[in-house]
Amino acid sequence: MCCLKVTIKDIAKTVGVNVSTISRALNGKPGVSDGLRQKILQVAKQMGYSPDMTATGLKKGRTKIIGVLIPDISNPFFAQIVRGMEKVFNPVGYHLLLCSTDEDPEHEEENLRTLIGQRVEGILAAPVDSGGNKTLYAKVLESNIPLVFFDRIVPDIDTSYVITDNEGGVRELVEYLHRNGHESVGIITLRSRSFTGRMRLNGALKACKELGIEVRQEWILDGKSTQEGAYEAAKKLFSFKEKPTSLIVGNNLMMLGVMKAIKDLRLKVPEDVSIVCFDDSYWNQIFDPPITCVAQEPEQMGLIAATLLLDRIMHNGKNNKTVLKAHFIERDSVAKI
């Protein structure tokens, strides 16, 4: 029996009473003598019995489960966000059910339907696209399931969110390149349909236009938010006869792909190309040279998102729109021209 989950039927058979008596004893209900109750509790403990919390929660109308949708489970950025969420929910007895969408709208839809079927008490989501599953997210709210977006949003869905000031952050990178004399910039972007991808690209293009920095259309390449996609995008960019003197990389994971391409092509940073990145990770600090970037605060984002959702669950709190500022970190990956 040690390899199987112990049930109240097993306890009833061992003690020699019916299942309803075991249930009353374990749940502290009347109708069981003190002596028998103590015996049942002792046997249950010896047999390693633990109640099915999900089933118990369903009977009471509560599951104590929070669904979390992240785009990429391999990205440390999202791991740090989840760590922040756990710091809010674990102390109050909630458990996180983590789902990775792999940047795929179909996977996102499947995961959302699964979470709804599991009767989660709330959903924290970083949507894959700006509008790909808008109808389903609207149904989540119509079903009175509290919903909070983090890192990304679906613009037409009116719910709480916590995001970074993407346009402001990328503007700092462009201005820094401009101060160092760069007049041409290439951009390896996130997935073109993602909210953060659009905001960072729009912010970069707007800043470049205002500062008179050249950005040719062929220098704007979709890195697909992945290491592999960025590797291919960087190889293509560096194959052009006319290349920009600087490059903006849209996130930390794509930075790995870009640096691999630079190594394979035997290029040097910043002698051959100056590079800046939106997001920071430990590898940005150990690259040679270390990479200048704007850094987000993912754990804080997770803490805030979880707090907003808990407020909706416990107190039916109002929608709250939170925008965090990215902070600039200067390192040695940009040459002065």
Protein backbone atom coordinates (compact mmCIF):
# COMPACT_ATOMS: atom_id res chain seq x y z
CA MET A 1 0.00 0.00 0.00
CA CYS A 2 3.03 2.30 0.41
CA CYS A 3 3.16 2.81 -3.35
CA LEU A 4 -0.52 3.76 -3.68
CA LYS A 5 -2.49 6.70 -2.40
CA VAL A 6 -4.29 5.74 0.81
CA THR A 7 -8.06 6.38 0.72
CA ILE A 8 -10.68 6.58 3.43
CA LYS A 9 -11.92 3.20 2.20
CA ASP A 10 -8.54 1.71 3.14
CA ILE A 11 -8.76 3.26 6.61
CA ALA A 12 -12.35 2.04 7.04
CA LYS A 13 -11.27 -1.52 6.18
CA THR A 14 -8.38 -1.38 8.66
CA VAL A 15 -10.41 0.09 11.52
CA GLY A 16 -13.48 -2.04 10.78
CA VAL A 17 -16.08 0.76 10.44
CA ASN A 18 -17.95 2.24 7.51
CA VAL A 19 -16.63 4.99 5.24
CA SER A 20 -19.05 7.65 6.51
CA THR A 21 -17.69 7.22 10.06
CA ILE A 22 -14.12 7.68 8.82
CA SER A 23 -15.17 10.81 6.90
CA ARG A 24 -16.88 12.35 9.96
CA ALA A 25 -13.87 11.60 12.14
CA LEU A 26 -11.34 13.07 9.72
CA ASN A 27 -13.41 16.20 9.10
CA GLY A 28 -14.13 16.86 12.78
CA LYS A 29 -17.86 16.29 12.45
CA PRO A 30 -20.11 14.97 15.26
CA GLY A 31 -21.41 11.39 15.51
CA VAL A 32 -18.11 9.72 16.41
CA SER A 33 -16.95 8.98 19.96
CA ASP A 34 -13.73 10.57 21.15
CA GLY A 35 -12.05 7.19 21.56
CA LEU A 36 -12.93 6.04 18.05
CA ARG A 37 -11.99 9.42 16.54
CA GLN A 38 -8.52 9.22 18.10
CA LYS A 39 -8.08 5.67 16.87
CA ILE A 40 -9.08 6.67 13.32
CA LEU A 41 -6.73 9.67 13.32
CA GLN A 42 -3.88 7.49 14.58
CA VAL A 43 -4.46 4.80 11.95
CA ALA A 44 -4.76 7.43 9.21
CA LYS A 45 -1.43 8.91 10.24
CA GLN A 46 0.27 5.50 10.39
CA MET A 47 -1.03 4.61 6.94
CA GLY A 48 0.22 7.92 5.47
CA TYR A 49 -3.21 9.24 4.57
CA SER A 50 -3.43 12.74 3.05
CA PRO A 51 -6.71 14.28 1.87
CA ASP A 52 -7.35 15.11 -1.78
CA MET A 53 -7.19 18.90 -1.50
CA THR A 54 -8.57 19.47 -4.98
CA ALA A 55 -11.63 17.35 -4.32
CA THR A 56 -12.09 18.99 -0.92
CA GLY A 57 -11.80 22.39 -2.51
CA LEU A 58 -14.38 21.56 -5.17
CA LYS A 59 -16.89 20.53 -2.51
CA LYS A 60 -16.38 23.85 -0.78
CA GLY A 61 -16.34 25.81 -4.04
CA ARG A 62 -12.59 26.55 -3.62
CA THR A 63 -9.59 24.89 -5.26
CA LYS A 64 -6.79 27.17 -3.97
CA ILE A 65 -5.14 26.80 -7.38
CA ILE A 66 -3.86 29.69 -9.52
CA GLY A 67 -3.18 29.13 -13.22
CA VAL A 68 -0.03 30.74 -14.64
CA LEU A 69 0.62 31.03 -18.39
CA ILE A 70 4.18 31.84 -19.45
CA PRO A 71 5.50 31.97 -23.03
CA ASP A 72 8.82 30.20 -22.52
CA ILE A 73 9.70 28.00 -19.55
CA SER A 74 13.40 28.03 -20.52
CA ASN A 75 13.73 31.81 -20.14
CA PRO A 76 15.13 32.82 -16.70
CA PHE A 77 13.14 36.05 -16.93
CA PHE A 78 9.87 34.15 -16.52
CA ALA A 79 11.34 31.86 -13.86
CA GLN A 80 12.08 34.93 -11.75
CA ILE A 81 8.55 36.22 -12.30
CA VAL A 82 7.11 32.92 -11.04
CA ARG A 83 9.40 33.09 -8.00
CA GLY A 84 7.84 36.45 -7.13
CA MET A 85 4.35 35.01 -7.53
CA GLU A 86 5.14 32.10 -5.22
CA LYS A 87 6.25 34.51 -2.50
CA VAL A 88 2.72 35.95 -2.49
CA PHE A 89 0.61 32.82 -2.88
CA ASN A 90 2.48 30.12 -0.96
CA PRO A 91 2.10 31.77 2.49
CA VAL A 92 -1.69 31.97 2.05
CA GLY A 93 -2.10 28.35 0.98
CA TYR A 94 -2.48 28.78 -2.78
CA HIS A 95 -0.69 26.61 -5.33
CA LEU A 96 0.47 27.60 -8.82
CA LEU A 97 -0.40 25.46 -11.85
CA LEU A 98 2.25 26.44 -14.39
CA CYS A 99 1.64 26.16 -18.15
CA SER A 100 4.11 27.04 -20.93
CA THR A 101 2.60 28.22 -24.21
CA ASP A 102 5.88 27.96 -26.20
CA GLU A 103 4.91 31.22 -27.94
CA ASP A 104 2.15 29.27 -29.71
CA PRO A 105 -1.44 30.66 -29.75
CA GLU A 106 -2.89 27.14 -30.12
CA HIS A 107 -1.00 25.92 -27.04
CA GLU A 108 -2.16 29.02 -25.22
CA GLU A 109 -5.80 28.22 -26.07
CA GLU A 110 -5.40 24.60 -24.93
CA ASN A 111 -3.83 25.69 -21.66
CA LEU A 112 -6.51 28.30 -20.99
CA ARG A 113 -9.28 25.74 -21.53
CA THR A 114 -7.47 23.29 -19.24
CA LEU A 115 -7.17 25.90 -16.48
CA ILE A 116 -10.84 26.78 -16.77
CA GLY A 117 -11.68 23.07 -16.58
CA GLN A 118 -9.55 22.75 -13.43
CA ARG A 119 -11.70 25.48 -11.83
CA VAL A 120 -8.70 27.61 -10.94
CA GLU A 121 -9.48 30.58 -8.69
CA GLY A 122 -7.55 33.00 -10.87
CA ILE A 123 -5.27 33.24 -13.90
CA LEU A 124 -1.98 35.09 -14.36
CA ALA A 125 -1.03 35.30 -18.03
CA ALA A 126 1.63 36.68 -20.37
CA PRO A 127 -0.36 36.45 -23.65
CA VAL A 128 1.35 35.09 -26.76
CA ASP A 129 -0.20 37.60 -29.17
CA SER A 130 -1.85 40.98 -28.81
CA GLY A 131 -5.15 39.59 -30.04
CA GLY A 132 -4.84 35.93 -30.99
CA ASN A 133 -6.95 34.57 -28.12
CA LYS A 134 -8.79 37.77 -27.25
CA THR A 135 -12.20 36.07 -27.40
CA LEU A 136 -11.14 33.33 -24.98
CA TYR A 137 -9.64 35.82 -22.51
CA ALA A 138 -12.91 37.74 -22.66
CA LYS A 139 -14.76 34.52 -21.79
CA VAL A 140 -12.47 34.04 -18.78
CA LEU A 141 -13.63 37.38 -17.42
CA GLU A 142 -17.25 36.63 -18.32
CA SER A 143 -16.91 33.45 -16.26
CA ASN A 144 -15.94 35.60 -13.26
CA ILE A 145 -12.45 34.13 -13.11
CA PRO A 146 -10.07 36.89 -11.95
CA LEU A 147 -7.42 37.59 -14.60
CA VAL A 148 -4.19 39.59 -14.42
CA PHE A 149 -1.73 40.07 -17.29
CA PHE A 150 2.01 40.42 -16.72
CA ASP A 151 4.85 41.44 -19.07
CA ARG A 152 2.37 41.51 -21.98
CA ILE A 153 -1.26 42.46 -22.46
CA VAL A 154 -4.16 42.04 -24.84
CA PRO A 155 -5.05 45.72 -25.36
CA ASP A 156 -8.83 45.27 -25.73
CA ILE A 157 -9.20 43.16 -22.56
CA ASP A 158 -10.01 45.40 -19.60
CA THR A 159 -8.28 43.79 -16.65
CA SER A 160 -5.39 44.44 -14.27
CA TYR A 161 -1.84 44.19 -15.56
CA VAL A 162 1.79 44.88 -14.70
CA ILE A 163 4.22 45.57 -17.54
CA THR A 164 7.50 47.38 -18.16
CA ASP A 165 7.75 50.73 -19.92
CA ASN A 166 9.02 49.11 -23.12
CA GLU A 167 9.14 52.27 -25.21
CA GLY A 168 10.90 54.25 -22.49
CA GLY A 169 13.45 51.49 -21.95
CA VAL A 170 14.40 51.07 -25.61
CA ARG A 171 14.58 54.87 -26.01
CA GLU A 172 17.37 54.90 -23.40
CA LEU A 173 19.31 52.40 -25.51
CA VAL A 174 18.89 54.43 -28.70
CA GLU A 175 19.89 57.68 -26.97
CA TYR A 176 22.98 55.99 -25.56
CA LEU A 177 24.04 54.78 -29.02
CA HIS A 178 23.45 58.29 -30.37
CA ARG A 179 25.58 59.87 -27.63
CA ASN A 180 28.39 57.52 -28.63
CA GLY A 181 28.26 58.69 -32.24
CA HIS A 182 26.28 55.89 -33.89
CA GLU A 183 24.21 56.98 -36.88
CA SER A 184 22.97 53.56 -38.04
CA VAL A 185 21.14 50.87 -36.05
CA GLY A 186 19.95 47.33 -36.73
CA ILE A 187 17.18 45.73 -34.66
CA ILE A 188 16.53 42.06 -33.88
CA THR A 189 12.95 42.07 -32.65
CA LEU A 190 10.73 39.83 -30.58
CA ARG A 191 7.86 37.98 -32.26
CA SER A 192 6.15 40.58 -34.41
CA ARG A 193 2.67 39.89 -33.01
CA SER A 194 3.64 40.04 -29.35
CA PHE A 195 2.74 43.18 -27.40
CA THR A 196 6.27 43.69 -26.07
CA GLY A 197 7.75 43.11 -29.52
CA ARG A 198 5.59 45.82 -31.06
CA MET A 199 6.18 48.29 -28.24
CA ARG A 200 9.96 47.86 -28.26
CA LEU A 201 10.19 48.10 -32.05
CA ASN A 202 7.91 51.13 -32.22
CA GLY A 203 9.86 52.82 -29.44
CA ALA A 204 13.18 52.19 -31.16
CA LEU A 205 11.98 53.43 -34.54
CA LYS A 206 10.42 56.54 -33.05
CA ALA A 207 13.58 57.43 -31.14
CA CYS A 208 15.79 56.78 -34.18
CA LYS A 209 13.62 59.03 -36.34
CA GLU A 210 13.74 61.85 -33.79
CA LEU A 211 17.54 61.57 -33.46
CA GLY A 212 18.25 61.16 -37.17
CA ILE A 213 19.61 57.62 -36.89
CA GLU A 214 19.36 55.45 -40.00
CA VAL A 215 17.37 52.20 -39.72
CA ARG A 216 16.94 50.43 -43.05
CA GLN A 217 14.06 48.01 -43.45
CA GLU A 218 16.43 45.11 -44.17
CA TRP A 219 18.20 45.81 -40.87
CA ILE A 220 15.00 45.02 -38.92
CA LEU A 221 14.86 41.24 -38.45
CA ASP A 222 12.42 39.05 -36.50
CA GLY A 223 14.35 36.96 -33.97
CA LYS A 224 11.10 35.12 -33.06
CA SER A 225 11.83 35.66 -29.35
CA THR A 226 14.15 32.63 -29.36
CA GLN A 227 17.87 31.91 -29.26
CA GLU A 228 17.67 30.00 -32.54
CA GLY A 229 15.64 32.68 -34.30
CA ALA A 230 18.04 35.41 -33.23
CA TYR A 231 21.03 33.35 -34.36
CA GLU A 232 19.64 33.12 -37.90
CA ALA A 233 18.59 36.77 -37.90
CA ALA A 234 22.06 37.92 -36.80
CA LYS A 235 23.81 35.79 -39.42
CA LYS A 236 21.60 37.33 -42.10
CA LEU A 237 22.22 40.87 -40.86
CA PHE A 238 25.99 40.43 -40.75
CA SER A 239 25.99 39.00 -44.28
CA PHE A 240 24.81 42.29 -45.79
CA LYS A 241 27.38 44.33 -47.71
CA GLU A 242 26.25 47.47 -45.92
CA LYS A 243 25.74 46.93 -42.22
CA PRO A 244 24.76 49.20 -39.31
CA THR A 245 27.43 50.14 -36.78
CA SER A 246 25.20 49.14 -33.87
CA LEU A 247 22.56 46.56 -33.01
CA ILE A 248 19.64 46.48 -30.56
CA VAL A 249 18.64 42.97 -29.40
CA GLY A 250 15.04 42.65 -28.22
CA ASN A 251 15.47 40.37 -25.19
CA ASN A 252 17.94 38.37 -23.10
CA LEU A 253 17.31 34.96 -24.68
CA MET A 254 17.90 36.30 -28.18
CA MET A 255 21.18 37.79 -26.95
CA LEU A 256 22.55 34.24 -26.64
CA GLY A 257 21.77 33.56 -30.31
CA VAL A 258 23.30 36.84 -31.44
CA MET A 259 26.53 36.25 -29.53
CA LYS A 260 26.79 32.72 -30.93
CA ALA A 261 26.46 34.11 -34.45
CA ILE A 262 29.15 36.71 -33.69
CA LYS A 263 31.47 33.97 -32.42
CA ASP A 264 30.81 31.70 -35.42
CA LEU A 265 31.46 34.61 -37.83
CA ARG A 266 34.61 35.59 -35.88
CA LEU A 267 33.42 39.12 -35.34
CA LYS A 268 34.35 41.25 -32.35
CA VAL A 269 32.27 43.43 -30.05
CA PRO A 270 32.45 46.42 -30.09
CA GLU A 271 35.17 46.66 -32.78
CA ASP A 272 33.00 45.21 -35.58
CA VAL A 273 29.57 46.01 -34.13
CA SER A 274 28.30 47.70 -30.98
CA ILE A 275 25.50 45.84 -29.20
CA VAL A 276 22.87 46.73 -26.59
CA CYS A 277 20.09 44.55 -25.20
CA PHE A 278 16.63 44.97 -23.70
CA ASP A 279 16.74 42.74 -20.57
CA ASP A 280 19.60 41.63 -18.41
CA SER A 281 20.78 38.13 -17.49
CA TYR A 282 23.85 36.67 -15.89
CA TRP A 283 25.29 35.90 -19.33
CA ASN A 284 25.21 39.61 -20.25
CA GLN A 285 27.65 40.14 -17.40
CA ILE A 286 30.05 37.30 -18.34
CA PHE A 287 30.23 37.90 -22.11
CA ASP A 288 33.51 39.44 -23.23
CA PRO A 289 32.86 42.33 -23.28
CA PRO A 290 29.83 42.50 -20.93
CA ILE A 291 26.68 43.83 -22.60
CA THR A 292 25.12 47.27 -22.05
CA CYS A 293 21.38 46.90 -21.46
CA VAL A 294 18.21 48.11 -19.84
CA ALA A 295 17.14 45.73 -17.09
CA GLN A 296 13.65 44.85 -15.96
CA GLU A 297 12.71 43.65 -12.48
CA PRO A 298 10.99 40.32 -13.12
CA GLU A 299 10.62 39.22 -9.49
CA GLN A 300 8.99 42.53 -8.61
CA MET A 301 6.70 42.10 -11.61
CA GLY A 302 5.66 38.68 -10.30
CA LEU A 303 5.08 40.02 -6.79
CA ILE A 304 2.87 42.85 -8.06
CA ALA A 305 0.91 40.66 -10.49
CA ALA A 306 0.22 38.08 -7.78
CA THR A 307 -0.80 40.77 -5.28
CA LEU A 308 -3.22 42.28 -7.80
CA LEU A 309 -4.79 38.88 -8.45
CA LEU A 310 -5.05 38.02 -4.76
CA ASP A 311 -6.79 41.36 -4.18
CA ARG A 312 -9.31 40.48 -6.89
CA ILE A 313 -9.92 37.03 -5.38
CA MET A 314 -10.16 38.08 -1.74
CA HIS A 315 -11.66 41.56 -1.98
CA ASN A 316 -13.00 41.89 -5.53
CA GLY A 317 -10.48 44.70 -6.01
CA LYS A 318 -10.63 47.14 -8.90
CA ASN A 319 -8.52 46.95 -12.04
CA ASN A 320 -5.02 48.31 -11.61
CA LYS A 321 -2.64 49.21 -14.46
CA THR A 322 1.00 49.14 -13.31
CA VAL A 323 3.92 50.19 -15.52
CA LEU A 324 7.43 49.58 -14.18
CA LYS A 325 10.50 51.52 -15.29
CA ALA A 326 13.46 49.68 -16.77
CA HIS A 327 16.86 50.83 -15.52
CA PHE A 328 19.90 51.43 -17.71
CA ILE A 329 23.16 49.51 -17.10
CA GLU A 330 26.27 50.69 -18.95
CA ARG A 331 28.93 48.11 -19.68
CA ASP A 332 31.56 47.76 -22.45
CA SER A 333 29.74 46.60 -25.59
CA VAL A 334 29.44 49.99 -27.34
CA ALA A 335 32.29 51.74 -29.11
CA LYS A 336 32.56 55.51 -29.41
CA ILE A 337 32.62 56.73 -33.00
